N, C-alpha and C. Protein backbone atom coordinates (compact mmCIF):
# COMPACT_ATOMS: atom_id res chain seq x y z
N MET A 1 6.09 3.67 3.66
CA MET A 1 5.52 5.07 3.78
C MET A 1 6.33 5.78 5.19
N ILE A 2 6.76 7.11 5.04
CA ILE A 2 6.85 8.21 5.97
C ILE A 2 6.49 8.44 7.48
N THR A 3 6.78 8.06 8.49
CA THR A 3 6.27 8.06 9.79
C THR A 3 5.98 9.74 9.34
N PHE A 4 4.79 9.59 10.85
CA PHE A 4 4.14 11.00 10.97
C PHE A 4 5.45 11.74 11.49
N ASP A 5 6.42 11.46 12.58
CA ASP A 5 7.19 12.32 12.95
C ASP A 5 8.62 12.87 11.90
N ALA A 6 8.63 11.87 10.98
CA ALA A 6 9.55 12.07 10.38
C ALA A 6 8.86 13.03 9.40
N TYR A 7 7.48 13.09 8.84
CA TYR A 7 7.03 13.97 8.34
C TYR A 7 6.81 15.57 8.45
N LYS A 8 6.80 15.69 10.26
CA LYS A 8 6.85 16.87 10.68
C LYS A 8 8.19 17.44 10.81
N THR A 9 8.89 16.74 10.80
CA THR A 9 10.31 16.99 11.03
C THR A 9 11.02 17.70 9.60
N GLN A 10 10.24 16.97 8.42
CA GLN A 10 10.80 17.40 7.05
C GLN A 10 9.90 18.65 6.80
N LEU A 11 8.50 18.49 7.86
CA LEU A 11 7.71 20.22 6.86
C LEU A 11 8.49 21.13 7.81
N GLY A 12 9.03 20.82 9.28
CA GLY A 12 9.95 22.12 9.81
C GLY A 12 10.96 22.44 8.98
N LEU A 13 11.80 21.08 8.29
CA LEU A 13 12.86 22.19 7.97
C LEU A 13 12.47 22.76 6.67
N ASN A 14 11.53 22.36 5.88
CA ASN A 14 10.69 23.45 4.77
C ASN A 14 11.00 24.69 5.19
N ILE A 15 10.29 24.76 6.31
CA ILE A 15 9.85 26.60 6.73
C ILE A 15 10.80 26.84 7.10
N LEU A 16 11.84 26.34 8.03
CA LEU A 16 13.27 26.88 8.62
C LEU A 16 13.97 27.06 6.59
N ARG A 17 14.16 26.25 6.17
CA ARG A 17 14.54 26.85 4.70
C ARG A 17 14.16 28.47 3.94
N HIS A 18 12.76 28.26 4.14
CA HIS A 18 12.23 29.66 3.51
C HIS A 18 12.28 30.53 4.27
N ARG A 19 12.19 30.70 5.57
CA ARG A 19 12.09 31.54 6.31
C ARG A 19 13.78 32.00 6.02
N GLU A 20 14.78 31.22 6.07
CA GLU A 20 16.33 31.84 6.36
C GLU A 20 16.68 32.19 4.86
N ARG A 21 15.75 31.91 3.72
CA ARG A 21 15.70 32.53 2.55
C ARG A 21 15.45 34.01 2.47
N THR A 22 14.54 34.16 3.54
CA THR A 22 13.83 35.48 3.33
C THR A 22 15.08 36.47 4.33
N GLY A 23 15.75 35.77 4.67
CA GLY A 23 16.35 36.82 5.88
C GLY A 23 15.76 37.12 6.93
N MET A 24 14.59 36.55 7.62
CA MET A 24 14.10 36.85 8.55
C MET A 24 14.25 36.29 9.62
N SER A 25 14.29 36.70 10.58
CA SER A 25 14.80 36.54 12.18
C SER A 25 13.56 35.78 13.01
N LEU A 26 13.82 34.79 14.33
CA LEU A 26 12.69 33.95 14.38
C LEU A 26 11.44 35.08 14.92
N ARG A 27 12.00 36.58 15.38
CA ARG A 27 11.17 37.54 15.76
C ARG A 27 10.47 37.84 14.90
N GLU A 28 11.26 38.34 13.97
CA GLU A 28 10.71 39.51 13.02
C GLU A 28 9.48 38.27 12.18
N PHE A 29 9.73 37.02 11.73
CA PHE A 29 8.85 35.90 11.48
C PHE A 29 7.81 35.64 12.09
N GLY A 30 8.13 35.20 13.34
CA GLY A 30 6.56 35.08 14.46
C GLY A 30 5.59 36.32 14.53
N LEU A 31 6.04 37.76 14.68
CA LEU A 31 5.79 38.69 14.35
C LEU A 31 4.72 38.53 12.85
N MET A 32 5.28 38.50 12.27
CA MET A 32 4.57 38.61 10.76
C MET A 32 3.47 37.45 10.53
N ALA A 33 3.98 36.58 10.81
CA ALA A 33 2.98 35.36 11.03
C ALA A 33 2.07 35.52 12.07
N GLY A 34 2.31 35.86 13.19
CA GLY A 34 0.86 36.04 14.28
C GLY A 34 1.16 34.87 14.95
N ILE A 35 2.73 33.86 15.22
CA ILE A 35 3.01 33.36 16.21
C ILE A 35 4.43 33.68 16.97
N HIS A 36 4.25 32.74 18.18
CA HIS A 36 5.13 33.08 19.13
C HIS A 36 6.21 32.55 18.89
N PRO A 37 7.43 33.53 18.70
CA PRO A 37 8.78 32.65 18.30
C PRO A 37 9.23 31.30 18.87
N ASN A 38 8.51 31.13 19.91
CA ASN A 38 9.23 29.73 20.57
C ASN A 38 8.67 28.76 19.70
N GLN A 39 7.18 28.93 19.37
CA GLN A 39 6.29 28.10 18.70
C GLN A 39 7.10 28.03 17.28
N VAL A 40 7.62 29.09 16.56
CA VAL A 40 7.96 29.24 15.55
C VAL A 40 8.89 28.02 15.94
N THR A 41 10.05 27.88 16.72
CA THR A 41 11.01 27.15 17.09
C THR A 41 10.93 25.44 16.78
N ARG A 42 9.43 25.50 17.40
CA ARG A 42 9.41 23.96 17.87
C ARG A 42 8.88 23.25 17.14
N ILE A 43 7.90 24.15 15.98
CA ILE A 43 7.68 23.73 14.45
C ILE A 43 8.56 23.63 13.26
N GLU A 44 9.83 24.42 13.55
CA GLU A 44 11.05 24.28 12.31
C GLU A 44 12.11 23.11 13.00
N HIS A 45 11.42 22.71 14.67
CA HIS A 45 12.62 21.35 14.17
C HIS A 45 11.75 19.78 14.68
N GLY A 46 10.18 20.22 14.06
CA GLY A 46 9.34 18.92 13.98
C GLY A 46 8.70 18.69 15.23
N ARG A 47 8.92 19.38 16.20
CA ARG A 47 8.62 19.36 17.95
C ARG A 47 7.18 19.22 18.26
N ALA A 48 6.37 20.56 17.33
CA ALA A 48 4.87 20.66 17.12
C ALA A 48 4.26 20.80 15.92
N ASN A 49 3.12 20.18 16.28
CA ASN A 49 2.03 19.67 14.99
C ASN A 49 0.76 20.92 14.55
N PRO A 50 1.77 21.93 13.65
CA PRO A 50 0.82 23.04 13.41
C PRO A 50 -0.41 22.79 12.67
N SER A 51 -1.17 23.38 13.52
CA SER A 51 -2.84 23.40 12.71
C SER A 51 -2.65 24.01 11.42
N LEU A 52 -3.71 23.64 10.30
CA LEU A 52 -3.82 24.17 9.10
C LEU A 52 -3.48 25.72 9.23
N GLN A 53 -4.92 26.26 9.73
CA GLN A 53 -4.55 27.81 10.21
C GLN A 53 -3.37 28.26 10.72
N THR A 54 -2.53 27.57 10.93
CA THR A 54 -0.93 28.19 11.44
C THR A 54 -0.24 27.74 10.42
N LEU A 55 0.22 26.87 9.18
CA LEU A 55 0.35 26.73 8.53
C LEU A 55 -0.05 27.25 7.41
N TYR A 56 -1.36 27.99 7.00
CA TYR A 56 -1.43 28.88 6.10
C TYR A 56 -0.96 30.43 6.63
N ARG A 57 -0.83 31.26 7.75
CA ARG A 57 -0.21 31.87 7.89
C ARG A 57 0.97 31.90 8.07
N ILE A 58 1.60 30.44 8.53
CA ILE A 58 3.18 30.52 7.47
C ILE A 58 3.44 30.53 6.22
N ALA A 59 2.92 30.03 5.57
CA ALA A 59 3.31 29.95 4.08
C ALA A 59 3.15 31.58 3.98
N ASP A 60 1.50 32.47 4.02
CA ASP A 60 1.63 33.64 3.76
C ASP A 60 2.41 34.39 4.71
N ALA A 61 3.00 34.65 5.37
CA ALA A 61 4.39 35.10 5.87
C ALA A 61 5.70 34.96 5.15
N LEU A 62 5.55 34.07 4.52
CA LEU A 62 6.95 33.84 3.69
C LEU A 62 6.46 33.75 2.28
N GLY A 63 5.34 34.01 1.94
CA GLY A 63 5.06 34.74 0.81
C GLY A 63 5.24 33.03 -0.46
N VAL A 64 4.46 32.07 -0.15
CA VAL A 64 4.52 30.80 -0.41
C VAL A 64 3.29 30.34 -0.43
N ASP A 65 3.08 29.14 -1.43
CA ASP A 65 1.76 28.34 -1.10
C ASP A 65 2.22 27.19 0.10
N ILE A 66 0.87 26.66 0.59
CA ILE A 66 1.20 25.89 1.31
C ILE A 66 2.09 24.38 0.84
N CYS A 67 1.85 23.92 -0.17
CA CYS A 67 1.82 23.35 -0.68
C CYS A 67 3.46 23.17 -0.62
N ASP A 68 3.97 24.21 -1.20
CA ASP A 68 5.82 24.39 -0.78
C ASP A 68 6.39 24.36 0.13
N LEU A 69 5.70 24.13 1.38
CA LEU A 69 6.27 23.62 2.75
C LEU A 69 5.71 22.38 2.53
N LEU A 70 4.91 21.58 2.15
CA LEU A 70 4.67 19.87 2.68
C LEU A 70 6.20 19.31 2.27
N PRO A 71 6.37 18.18 2.69
CA PRO A 71 7.07 17.20 2.45
C PRO A 71 6.80 16.34 1.24
N LYS A 72 7.56 16.48 0.09
CA LYS A 72 7.44 15.66 -1.06
C LYS A 72 7.23 13.87 -1.37
N GLY A 73 8.96 13.74 -1.16
CA GLY A 73 8.94 12.49 -0.43
C GLY A 73 8.76 11.22 -1.79
N GLU A 74 7.62 10.37 -0.87
CA GLU A 74 7.28 8.98 -1.32
C GLU A 74 6.06 9.03 -2.15
N HIS A 75 5.36 10.20 -1.93
CA HIS A 75 3.65 10.60 -2.66
C HIS A 75 4.34 11.06 -3.89
N SER A 76 5.01 12.31 -3.88
CA SER A 76 5.34 12.73 -5.38
C SER A 76 6.18 11.52 -5.66
N ALA A 77 6.95 10.45 -5.43
CA ALA A 77 7.75 9.88 -6.48
C ALA A 77 6.81 8.36 -6.80
N ARG A 78 5.91 8.47 -6.08
CA ARG A 78 4.89 7.28 -6.64
C ARG A 78 4.16 7.91 -8.07
N ARG A 79 3.57 8.97 -8.03
CA ARG A 79 2.85 10.15 -8.84
C ARG A 79 3.73 9.81 -10.07
N ASP A 80 5.06 9.96 -10.09
CA ASP A 80 5.86 10.27 -11.11
C ASP A 80 5.90 9.18 -11.77
N SER A 81 6.02 7.67 -11.19
CA SER A 81 6.43 6.86 -11.42
C SER A 81 5.59 5.94 -12.44
N GLY A 82 4.57 6.81 -12.45
CA GLY A 82 3.18 6.46 -13.36
C GLY A 82 1.85 5.09 -12.49
N GLN A 83 2.11 5.45 -11.43
CA GLN A 83 1.42 4.56 -10.68
C GLN A 83 0.12 5.47 -10.14
N GLU A 84 -0.72 4.68 -10.36
CA GLU A 84 -2.33 5.77 -9.73
C GLU A 84 -1.65 6.43 -8.76
N PRO A 85 -1.93 7.74 -8.13
CA PRO A 85 -2.03 8.24 -7.45
C PRO A 85 -3.08 7.69 -6.24
N ASN A 86 -3.08 7.69 -5.00
CA ASN A 86 -3.64 8.15 -3.99
C ASN A 86 -4.56 9.05 -3.79
N PRO A 87 -5.49 9.45 -4.24
CA PRO A 87 -6.49 10.48 -4.00
C PRO A 87 -6.61 11.16 -2.24
N PHE A 88 -6.30 10.27 -1.37
CA PHE A 88 -5.92 10.71 0.24
C PHE A 88 -4.68 10.94 0.47
N HIS A 89 -3.56 10.85 -0.97
CA HIS A 89 -2.29 11.06 -0.10
C HIS A 89 -1.81 12.28 1.12
N TYR A 90 -3.00 13.28 0.96
CA TYR A 90 -2.26 14.36 1.84
C TYR A 90 -2.70 14.15 2.81
N PHE A 91 -3.09 13.34 3.62
CA PHE A 91 -3.88 12.48 4.72
C PHE A 91 -3.66 12.01 5.44
N LEU A 92 -2.49 11.08 4.84
CA LEU A 92 -1.56 9.74 5.51
C LEU A 92 -0.77 10.09 6.10
């Protein structure tokens, strides 16, 4: 199972990749999402634990679904392998 810190780091990298694809600077993105650029940096580097509301605003500013930001990894590999999916895997 992936550690929480590794999950936050991967989440941040996913957000960073999506932001870079849009070509937005930290400042532009922060303004669009209503998040201070310093907080965006902390999230992108896995040093902050964003709330669901913050993730929603980030996804909205990026024009993606929240699910596109979440790390896939181990949980989807289990699901793709034919094993019974854990209905609580998003909360682990």
